[in-house]
Amino acid sequence: MFNKQHLVKLIEVKMPFGKYKGRFILDLPEEYLLWFARKEFPEGELGVLMQIALEIKVEGLEHLIRPPASETP
């Protein structure tokens, strides 16, 4: 289960390593997150955030966390 703080961190925390180092967790490609799901997510908060990001992407809920670019001021 996740909480409001996790949702905020998805757009504040950046990937600390790998091919997508420096990208916000929510901006990681679904395929990359699926690869981790098959292999193993990192331990700790990073792994939790990556699992939440994958669930949000699979369910098509990204718009609930960040509005589409056309709606931002």
N, C-alpha and C. Protein backbone atom coordinates (compact mmCIF):
# COMPACT_ATOMS: atom_id res chain seq x y z
N MET A 1 0.84 -1.19 0.00
CA MET A 1 0.00 0.00 0.00
C MET A 1 0.88 1.24 0.00
N PHE A 2 0.39 2.28 -0.62
CA PHE A 2 1.17 3.51 -0.66
C PHE A 2 0.36 4.65 -0.08
N ASN A 3 1.06 5.75 0.17
CA ASN A 3 0.40 6.91 0.76
C ASN A 3 0.69 8.16 -0.08
N LYS A 4 0.17 9.27 0.38
CA LYS A 4 0.30 10.54 -0.34
C LYS A 4 1.77 10.90 -0.54
N GLN A 5 2.61 10.66 0.46
CA GLN A 5 4.03 10.98 0.35
C GLN A 5 4.69 10.20 -0.79
N HIS A 6 4.28 8.95 -0.96
CA HIS A 6 4.83 8.15 -2.06
C HIS A 6 4.48 8.79 -3.40
N LEU A 7 3.26 9.26 -3.54
CA LEU A 7 2.82 9.85 -4.80
C LEU A 7 3.61 11.12 -5.10
N VAL A 8 3.89 11.91 -4.08
CA VAL A 8 4.69 13.12 -4.27
C VAL A 8 6.11 12.75 -4.67
N LYS A 9 6.67 11.75 -4.03
CA LYS A 9 8.05 11.35 -4.31
C LYS A 9 8.22 10.81 -5.72
N LEU A 10 7.17 10.28 -6.31
CA LEU A 10 7.26 9.77 -7.68
C LEU A 10 7.68 10.86 -8.66
N ILE A 11 7.32 12.10 -8.37
CA ILE A 11 7.67 13.21 -9.27
C ILE A 11 8.79 14.08 -8.70
N GLU A 12 9.37 13.67 -7.58
CA GLU A 12 10.48 14.42 -6.98
C GLU A 12 11.79 13.63 -6.93
N VAL A 13 11.69 12.31 -6.81
CA VAL A 13 12.87 11.46 -6.67
C VAL A 13 13.35 11.01 -8.05
N LYS A 14 14.65 11.10 -8.25
CA LYS A 14 15.24 10.69 -9.52
C LYS A 14 15.92 9.33 -9.39
N MET A 15 15.94 8.61 -10.47
CA MET A 15 16.61 7.32 -10.53
C MET A 15 18.10 7.53 -10.28
N PRO A 16 18.67 6.86 -9.28
CA PRO A 16 20.06 7.12 -8.92
C PRO A 16 21.11 6.34 -9.72
N PHE A 17 20.69 5.42 -10.58
CA PHE A 17 21.67 4.61 -11.31
C PHE A 17 21.06 4.07 -12.59
N GLY A 18 21.92 3.48 -13.41
CA GLY A 18 21.45 2.77 -14.60
C GLY A 18 21.20 3.63 -15.81
N LYS A 19 20.60 3.02 -16.79
CA LYS A 19 20.33 3.63 -18.08
C LYS A 19 19.53 4.92 -17.97
N TYR A 20 18.63 4.98 -17.01
CA TYR A 20 17.76 6.14 -16.86
C TYR A 20 18.11 6.99 -15.65
N LYS A 21 19.36 6.96 -15.26
CA LYS A 21 19.85 7.76 -14.13
C LYS A 21 19.47 9.23 -14.36
N GLY A 22 18.91 9.85 -13.32
CA GLY A 22 18.54 11.26 -13.41
C GLY A 22 17.09 11.51 -13.79
N ARG A 23 16.39 10.48 -14.25
CA ARG A 23 14.97 10.65 -14.59
C ARG A 23 14.11 10.49 -13.33
N PHE A 24 13.03 11.24 -13.28
CA PHE A 24 12.09 11.08 -12.17
C PHE A 24 11.49 9.67 -12.25
N ILE A 25 11.21 9.10 -11.12
CA ILE A 25 10.71 7.72 -11.06
C ILE A 25 9.46 7.55 -11.93
N LEU A 26 8.55 8.50 -11.87
CA LEU A 26 7.32 8.38 -12.67
C LEU A 26 7.60 8.46 -14.17
N ASP A 27 8.74 9.01 -14.55
CA ASP A 27 9.10 9.14 -15.97
C ASP A 27 9.85 7.94 -16.51
N LEU A 28 10.11 6.95 -15.67
CA LEU A 28 10.79 5.75 -16.15
C LEU A 28 9.87 4.99 -17.10
N PRO A 29 10.40 4.47 -18.19
CA PRO A 29 9.56 3.72 -19.14
C PRO A 29 8.95 2.47 -18.48
N GLU A 30 7.75 2.16 -18.88
CA GLU A 30 7.06 0.99 -18.35
C GLU A 30 7.88 -0.29 -18.59
N GLU A 31 8.51 -0.39 -19.76
CA GLU A 31 9.30 -1.58 -20.07
C GLU A 31 10.46 -1.76 -19.08
N TYR A 32 11.07 -0.66 -18.68
CA TYR A 32 12.17 -0.69 -17.72
C TYR A 32 11.67 -1.17 -16.36
N LEU A 33 10.52 -0.66 -15.95
CA LEU A 33 9.93 -1.08 -14.68
C LEU A 33 9.50 -2.55 -14.73
N LEU A 34 8.99 -2.98 -15.86
CA LEU A 34 8.62 -4.40 -16.01
C LEU A 34 9.85 -5.30 -15.93
N TRP A 35 10.97 -4.84 -16.48
CA TRP A 35 12.20 -5.60 -16.39
C TRP A 35 12.60 -5.80 -14.92
N PHE A 36 12.51 -4.73 -14.14
CA PHE A 36 12.82 -4.85 -12.71
C PHE A 36 11.82 -5.77 -12.02
N ALA A 37 10.57 -5.72 -12.42
CA ALA A 37 9.56 -6.59 -11.82
C ALA A 37 9.91 -8.06 -12.06
N ARG A 38 10.44 -8.38 -13.23
CA ARG A 38 10.84 -9.75 -13.53
C ARG A 38 12.10 -10.15 -12.78
N LYS A 39 13.06 -9.25 -12.69
CA LYS A 39 14.35 -9.54 -12.05
C LYS A 39 14.24 -9.38 -10.54
N GLU A 40 14.06 -8.18 -10.10
CA GLU A 40 13.86 -7.84 -8.69
C GLU A 40 14.04 -6.34 -8.52
N PHE A 41 13.06 -5.70 -7.89
CA PHE A 41 13.16 -4.27 -7.61
C PHE A 41 14.24 -4.06 -6.56
N PRO A 42 14.88 -2.88 -6.57
CA PRO A 42 15.85 -2.58 -5.52
C PRO A 42 15.17 -2.60 -4.15
N GLU A 43 15.96 -2.82 -3.13
CA GLU A 43 15.41 -2.80 -1.77
C GLU A 43 15.14 -1.37 -1.34
N GLY A 44 14.32 -1.23 -0.33
CA GLY A 44 14.06 0.08 0.27
C GLY A 44 13.04 0.90 -0.48
N GLU A 45 13.10 2.19 -0.18
CA GLU A 45 12.10 3.11 -0.72
C GLU A 45 12.14 3.20 -2.25
N LEU A 46 13.33 3.14 -2.84
CA LEU A 46 13.41 3.21 -4.29
C LEU A 46 12.62 2.08 -4.93
N GLY A 47 12.77 0.88 -4.43
CA GLY A 47 12.02 -0.25 -4.97
C GLY A 47 10.52 -0.09 -4.80
N VAL A 48 10.11 0.43 -3.66
CA VAL A 48 8.69 0.67 -3.41
C VAL A 48 8.16 1.69 -4.42
N LEU A 49 8.89 2.77 -4.62
CA LEU A 49 8.46 3.80 -5.57
C LEU A 49 8.39 3.25 -7.00
N MET A 50 9.34 2.43 -7.36
CA MET A 50 9.32 1.84 -8.70
C MET A 50 8.13 0.91 -8.88
N GLN A 51 7.79 0.16 -7.86
CA GLN A 51 6.62 -0.73 -7.94
C GLN A 51 5.34 0.09 -8.07
N ILE A 52 5.25 1.18 -7.32
CA ILE A 52 4.06 2.04 -7.41
C ILE A 52 3.98 2.67 -8.79
N ALA A 53 5.12 3.14 -9.32
CA ALA A 53 5.14 3.74 -10.66
C ALA A 53 4.65 2.74 -11.70
N LEU A 54 5.10 1.50 -11.59
CA LEU A 54 4.66 0.47 -12.54
C LEU A 54 3.16 0.25 -12.44
N GLU A 55 2.65 0.14 -11.25
CA GLU A 55 1.21 -0.06 -11.07
C GLU A 55 0.41 1.10 -11.66
N ILE A 56 0.87 2.31 -11.43
CA ILE A 56 0.19 3.50 -11.97
C ILE A 56 0.21 3.48 -13.49
N LYS A 57 1.35 3.13 -14.08
CA LYS A 57 1.45 3.10 -15.55
C LYS A 57 0.58 2.00 -16.15
N VAL A 58 0.61 0.81 -15.55
CA VAL A 58 -0.18 -0.31 -16.06
C VAL A 58 -1.68 0.01 -16.01
N GLU A 59 -2.09 0.69 -14.96
CA GLU A 59 -3.51 1.03 -14.81
C GLU A 59 -3.90 2.33 -15.53
N GLY A 60 -2.92 3.02 -16.13
CA GLY A 60 -3.21 4.26 -16.86
C GLY A 60 -3.63 5.41 -15.97
N LEU A 61 -3.01 5.53 -14.81
CA LEU A 61 -3.42 6.54 -13.83
C LEU A 61 -2.44 7.70 -13.69
N GLU A 62 -1.51 7.84 -14.59
CA GLU A 62 -0.52 8.92 -14.48
C GLU A 62 -1.17 10.29 -14.41
N HIS A 63 -2.27 10.47 -15.09
CA HIS A 63 -2.95 11.77 -15.10
C HIS A 63 -3.44 12.19 -13.72
N LEU A 64 -3.59 11.24 -12.80
CA LEU A 64 -4.03 11.58 -11.46
C LEU A 64 -2.92 12.21 -10.63
N ILE A 65 -1.69 11.96 -11.02
CA ILE A 65 -0.55 12.50 -10.28
C ILE A 65 -0.02 13.77 -10.93
N ARG A 66 0.00 13.76 -12.25
CA ARG A 66 0.52 14.89 -12.98
C ARG A 66 -0.42 15.16 -14.16
N PRO A 67 -1.00 16.35 -14.22
CA PRO A 67 -1.91 16.63 -15.33
C PRO A 67 -1.17 16.65 -16.66
N PRO A 68 -1.87 16.40 -17.76
CA PRO A 68 -1.25 16.46 -19.08
C PRO A 68 -0.61 17.84 -19.30
N ALA A 69 0.42 17.90 -20.12
CA ALA A 69 1.17 19.14 -20.36
C ALA A 69 0.25 20.26 -20.83
N SER A 70 -0.79 19.93 -21.57
CA SER A 70 -1.69 20.97 -22.09
C SER A 70 -2.50 21.63 -20.97
N GLU A 71 -2.57 21.01 -19.79
CA GLU A 71 -3.34 21.57 -18.68
C GLU A 71 -2.48 22.31 -17.67
N THR A 72 -1.17 22.27 -17.83
CA THR A 72 -0.30 22.95 -16.87
C THR A 72 -0.18 24.42 -17.26
N PRO A 73 -0.06 25.28 -16.27
CA PRO A 73 0.00 26.74 -16.56
C PRO A 73 1.27 27.14 -17.26
